[in-house]
Amino acid sequence: MRIAVKRPNGSVLVEAEIYRDWCPLNYEIISAILPAKARAYTLDSYAVYFTLGIRVLLEKPYESAKPGDVLVIPYTNSIAVVLEPVEKLRFKSTLIGRTVGGFETLRGIRKGEPVIIDRVMRGRAGGAAPWERRR
């Protein structure tokens, strides 16, 4: 499933693909709450995490990470995007996906900034969805 982290005005900060096979329980937990309001925070400058307001679980422990990895962090009940390579993660985490495209806009995010995490609707390149078109 492709998700996007957006500012409240709709501008997309980052898109990511999350995979059910990599993290099945958390995939179901996250997909059930979308769209979700969250807050953004930095994690030791190597990641930005987004609080979800729900409990997430440690499934397959993931100890080191590379830029673009998307993690679930049970300690902070959040989903995170890794910005810098890290050999030993500060908190126990599970890899759930990878970013799609760039994530440089996350470097300028403010502590506590509100964001919305939602599914990316596919097939909308041609404009409005059929049910949104005027007749």
C-alpha atoms as a PDB file:
ATOM      1  CA  MET A   1       0.000   0.000   0.000  1.00  0.00           C
ATOM      2  CA  ARG A   2       1.315   3.426  -0.837  1.00  0.00           C
ATOM      3  CA  ILE A   3       0.965   6.081   1.843  1.00  0.00           C
ATOM      4  CA  ALA A   4       1.744   9.786   1.933  1.00  0.00           C
ATOM      5  CA  VAL A   5       2.679  12.069   4.794  1.00  0.00           C
ATOM      6  CA  LYS A   6       1.167  15.493   4.122  1.00  0.00           C
ATOM      7  CA  ARG A   7       0.933  18.856   5.753  1.00  0.00           C
ATOM      8  CA  PRO A   8      -2.621  19.926   6.663  1.00  0.00           C
ATOM      9  CA  ASN A   9      -2.654  22.130   3.527  1.00  0.00           C
ATOM     10  CA  GLY A  10      -2.256  18.975   1.404  1.00  0.00           C
ATOM     11  CA  SER A  11       1.376  19.398   0.336  1.00  0.00           C
ATOM     12  CA  VAL A  12       3.112  16.009   0.306  1.00  0.00           C
ATOM     13  CA  LEU A  13       6.246  15.663   2.443  1.00  0.00           C
ATOM     14  CA  VAL A  14       7.019  12.050   1.531  1.00  0.00           C
ATOM     15  CA  GLU A  15       5.442   8.988  -0.047  1.00  0.00           C
ATOM     16  CA  ALA A  16       6.255   5.430   0.942  1.00  0.00           C
ATOM     17  CA  GLU A  17       5.292   1.913   0.013  1.00  0.00           C
ATOM     18  CA  ILE A  18       4.523  -0.263   3.022  1.00  0.00           C
ATOM     19  CA  TYR A  19       4.384  -4.029   2.687  1.00  0.00           C
ATOM     20  CA  ARG A  20       2.038  -6.472   4.385  1.00  0.00           C
ATOM     21  CA  ASP A  21       4.591  -9.296   3.952  1.00  0.00           C
ATOM     22  CA  TRP A  22       7.266  -7.416   5.889  1.00  0.00           C
ATOM     23  CA  CYS A  23       5.139  -6.463   8.879  1.00  0.00           C
ATOM     24  CA  PRO A  24       1.641  -8.009   8.701  1.00  0.00           C
ATOM     25  CA  LEU A  25       0.225  -7.026  12.098  1.00  0.00           C
ATOM     26  CA  ASN A  26       1.362  -3.410  11.907  1.00  0.00           C
ATOM     27  CA  TYR A  27       0.257  -3.179   8.278  1.00  0.00           C
ATOM     28  CA  GLU A  28      -3.274  -4.062   9.388  1.00  0.00           C
ATOM     29  CA  ILE A  29      -3.144  -1.701  12.380  1.00  0.00           C
ATOM     30  CA  ILE A  30      -1.957   1.220  10.256  1.00  0.00           C
ATOM     31  CA  SER A  31      -4.265   0.594   7.309  1.00  0.00           C
ATOM     32  CA  ALA A  32      -7.252   0.494   9.691  1.00  0.00           C
ATOM     33  CA  ILE A  33      -6.647   4.019  11.030  1.00  0.00           C
ATOM     34  CA  LEU A  34      -5.869   5.857   7.787  1.00  0.00           C
ATOM     35  CA  PRO A  35      -6.251   8.747   7.322  1.00  0.00           C
ATOM     36  CA  ALA A  36      -4.517   9.548  10.606  1.00  0.00           C
ATOM     37  CA  LYS A  37      -3.522  12.827  12.207  1.00  0.00           C
ATOM     38  CA  ALA A  38       0.003  12.725  13.611  1.00  0.00           C
ATOM     39  CA  ARG A  39       2.819  14.923  14.890  1.00  0.00           C
ATOM     40  CA  ALA A  40       6.349  14.933  13.496  1.00  0.00           C
ATOM     41  CA  TYR A  41       9.503  14.657  15.611  1.00  0.00           C
ATOM     42  CA  THR A  42      13.175  13.992  14.892  1.00  0.00           C
ATOM     43  CA  LEU A  43      15.021  11.015  16.280  1.00  0.00           C
ATOM     44  CA  ASP A  44      18.723  11.722  16.904  1.00  0.00           C
ATOM     45  CA  SER A  45      18.899  13.476  13.497  1.00  0.00           C
ATOM     46  CA  TYR A  46      18.865  10.134  11.645  1.00  0.00           C
ATOM     47  CA  ALA A  47      15.079   9.855  11.303  1.00  0.00           C
ATOM     48  CA  VAL A  48      11.778  11.682  11.471  1.00  0.00           C
ATOM     49  CA  TYR A  49       8.975   9.867  13.227  1.00  0.00           C
ATOM     50  CA  PHE A  50       5.242  10.434  13.178  1.00  0.00           C
ATOM     51  CA  THR A  51       3.193   9.604  16.267  1.00  0.00           C
ATOM     52  CA  LEU A  52       0.158   7.522  15.418  1.00  0.00           C
ATOM     53  CA  GLY A  53      -1.844   7.619  18.645  1.00  0.00           C
ATOM     54  CA  ILE A  54      -2.283   3.845  18.576  1.00  0.00           C
ATOM     55  CA  ARG A  55      -0.198   0.955  19.803  1.00  0.00           C
ATOM     56  CA  VAL A  56       2.107  -0.640  17.237  1.00  0.00           C
ATOM     57  CA  LEU A  57       4.028  -3.874  17.713  1.00  0.00           C
ATOM     58  CA  LEU A  58       7.566  -5.164  17.380  1.00  0.00           C
ATOM     59  CA  GLU A  59       7.382  -7.911  14.767  1.00  0.00           C
ATOM     60  CA  LYS A  60      10.727  -8.659  13.121  1.00  0.00           C
ATOM     61  CA  PRO A  61      13.461  -6.682  14.924  1.00  0.00           C
ATOM     62  CA  TYR A  62      15.503  -4.472  12.620  1.00  0.00           C
ATOM     63  CA  GLU A  63      18.768  -3.239  14.108  1.00  0.00           C
ATOM     64  CA  SER A  64      20.433  -1.025  11.494  1.00  0.00           C
ATOM     65  CA  ALA A  65      18.811   1.139   8.845  1.00  0.00           C
ATOM     66  CA  LYS A  66      19.548   2.988   5.649  1.00  0.00           C
ATOM     67  CA  PRO A  67      18.118   6.197   4.203  1.00  0.00           C
ATOM     68  CA  GLY A  68      14.618   5.704   2.868  1.00  0.00           C
ATOM     69  CA  ASP A  69      13.705   2.863   5.225  1.00  0.00           C
ATOM     70  CA  VAL A  70      10.274   3.177   6.824  1.00  0.00           C
ATOM     71  CA  LEU A  71      10.121   1.742  10.333  1.00  0.00           C
ATOM     72  CA  VAL A  72       7.501   1.045  12.967  1.00  0.00           C
ATOM     73  CA  ILE A  73       8.755   2.024  16.434  1.00  0.00           C
ATOM     74  CA  PRO A  74       6.668   0.536  19.270  1.00  0.00           C
ATOM     75  CA  TYR A  75       8.385   2.602  21.997  1.00  0.00           C
ATOM     76  CA  THR A  76       7.062   5.828  20.448  1.00  0.00           C
ATOM     77  CA  ASN A  77       3.955   4.259  18.834  1.00  0.00           C
ATOM     78  CA  SER A  78       5.048   5.745  15.565  1.00  0.00           C
ATOM     79  CA  ILE A  79       6.105   5.225  11.983  1.00  0.00           C
ATOM     80  CA  ALA A  80       9.487   6.705  10.990  1.00  0.00           C
ATOM     81  CA  VAL A  81      11.435   7.599   7.865  1.00  0.00           C
ATOM     82  CA  VAL A  82      15.202   7.111   8.086  1.00  0.00           C
ATOM     83  CA  LEU A  83      17.217  10.069   6.739  1.00  0.00           C
ATOM     84  CA  GLU A  84      20.783   8.943   7.494  1.00  0.00           C
ATOM     85  CA  PRO A  85      22.432   5.521   7.701  1.00  0.00           C
ATOM     86  CA  VAL A  86      22.527   4.156  11.235  1.00  0.00           C
ATOM     87  CA  GLU A  87      24.304   1.044  12.490  1.00  0.00           C
ATOM     88  CA  LYS A  88      22.409   0.628  15.760  1.00  0.00           C
ATOM     89  CA  LEU A  89      18.894   1.987  16.090  1.00  0.00           C
ATOM     90  CA  ARG A  90      18.082   3.739  19.362  1.00  0.00           C
ATOM     91  CA  PHE A  91      14.742   1.929  19.763  1.00  0.00           C
ATOM     92  CA  LYS A  92      13.651  -1.554  18.773  1.00  0.00           C
ATOM     93  CA  SER A  93      12.019  -1.224  15.369  1.00  0.00           C
ATOM     94  CA  THR A  94      10.476  -3.213  12.537  1.00  0.00           C
ATOM     95  CA  LEU A  95      10.990  -2.478   8.842  1.00  0.00           C
ATOM     96  CA  ILE A  96       7.626  -1.949   7.154  1.00  0.00           C
ATOM     97  CA  GLY A  97       8.537  -0.216   3.882  1.00  0.00           C
ATOM     98  CA  ARG A  98      10.631   2.155   1.777  1.00  0.00           C
ATOM     99  CA  THR A  99      10.140   5.710   0.632  1.00  0.00           C
ATOM    100  CA  VAL A 100       9.169   6.362  -2.965  1.00  0.00           C
ATOM    101  CA  GLY A 101      11.071   9.293  -4.409  1.00  0.00           C
ATOM    102  CA  GLY A 102      12.796  11.875  -2.258  1.00  0.00           C
ATOM    103  CA  PHE A 103      12.468  12.599   1.421  1.00  0.00           C
ATOM    104  CA  GLU A 104      14.633  15.720   1.687  1.00  0.00           C
ATOM    105  CA  THR A 105      11.625  17.871   2.656  1.00  0.00           C
ATOM    106  CA  LEU A 106      11.555  16.017   5.985  1.00  0.00           C
ATOM    107  CA  ARG A 107      14.872  17.594   7.019  1.00  0.00           C
ATOM    108  CA  GLY A 108      13.136  20.945   7.515  1.00  0.00           C
ATOM    109  CA  ILE A 109      10.145  19.677   9.470  1.00  0.00           C
ATOM    110  CA  ARG A 110       9.437  21.411  12.774  1.00  0.00           C
ATOM    111  CA  LYS A 111       9.201  19.550  16.081  1.00  0.00           C
ATOM    112  CA  GLY A 112       5.565  18.773  16.791  1.00  0.00           C
ATOM    113  CA  GLU A 113       4.408  19.848  13.332  1.00  0.00           C
ATOM    114  CA  PRO A 114       0.985  18.392  12.544  1.00  0.00           C
ATOM    115  CA  VAL A 115       0.785  16.021   9.572  1.00  0.00           C
ATOM    116  CA  ILE A 116      -1.738  13.686   8.003  1.00  0.00           C
ATOM    117  CA  ILE A 117      -0.842  10.150   6.981  1.00  0.00           C
ATOM    118  CA  ASP A 118      -3.112   8.723   4.324  1.00  0.00           C
ATOM    119  CA  ARG A 119      -3.322   6.251   1.462  1.00  0.00           C
ATOM    120  CA  VAL A 120      -2.224   7.476  -1.947  1.00  0.00           C
ATOM    121  CA  MET A 121      -5.050   7.052  -4.415  1.00  0.00           C
ATOM    122  CA  ARG A 122      -3.755   5.579  -7.643  1.00  0.00           C
ATOM    123  CA  GLY A 123      -5.051   6.252 -11.102  1.00  0.00           C
ATOM    124  CA  ARG A 124      -5.965   9.883 -10.478  1.00  0.00           C
ATOM    125  CA  ALA A 125      -3.464  11.394 -12.910  1.00  0.00           C
ATOM    126  CA  GLY A 126      -6.285  12.260 -15.282  1.00  0.00           C
ATOM    127  CA  GLY A 127      -7.926  14.654 -12.847  1.00  0.00           C
ATOM    128  CA  ALA A 128     -10.833  14.026 -10.552  1.00  0.00           C
ATOM    129  CA  ALA A 129     -12.032  10.554  -9.728  1.00  0.00           C
ATOM    130  CA  PRO A 130     -15.157   9.487 -11.663  1.00  0.00           C
ATOM    131  CA  TRP A 131     -17.471  10.144  -8.703  1.00  0.00           C
ATOM    132  CA  GLU A 132     -16.026  13.674  -8.314  1.00  0.00           C
ATOM    133  CA  ARG A 133     -16.533  14.751 -11.950  1.00  0.00           C
ATOM    134  CA  ARG A 134     -19.321  17.155 -12.736  1.00  0.00           C
ATOM    135  CA  ARG A 135     -21.874  16.010 -15.249  1.00  0.00           C
END
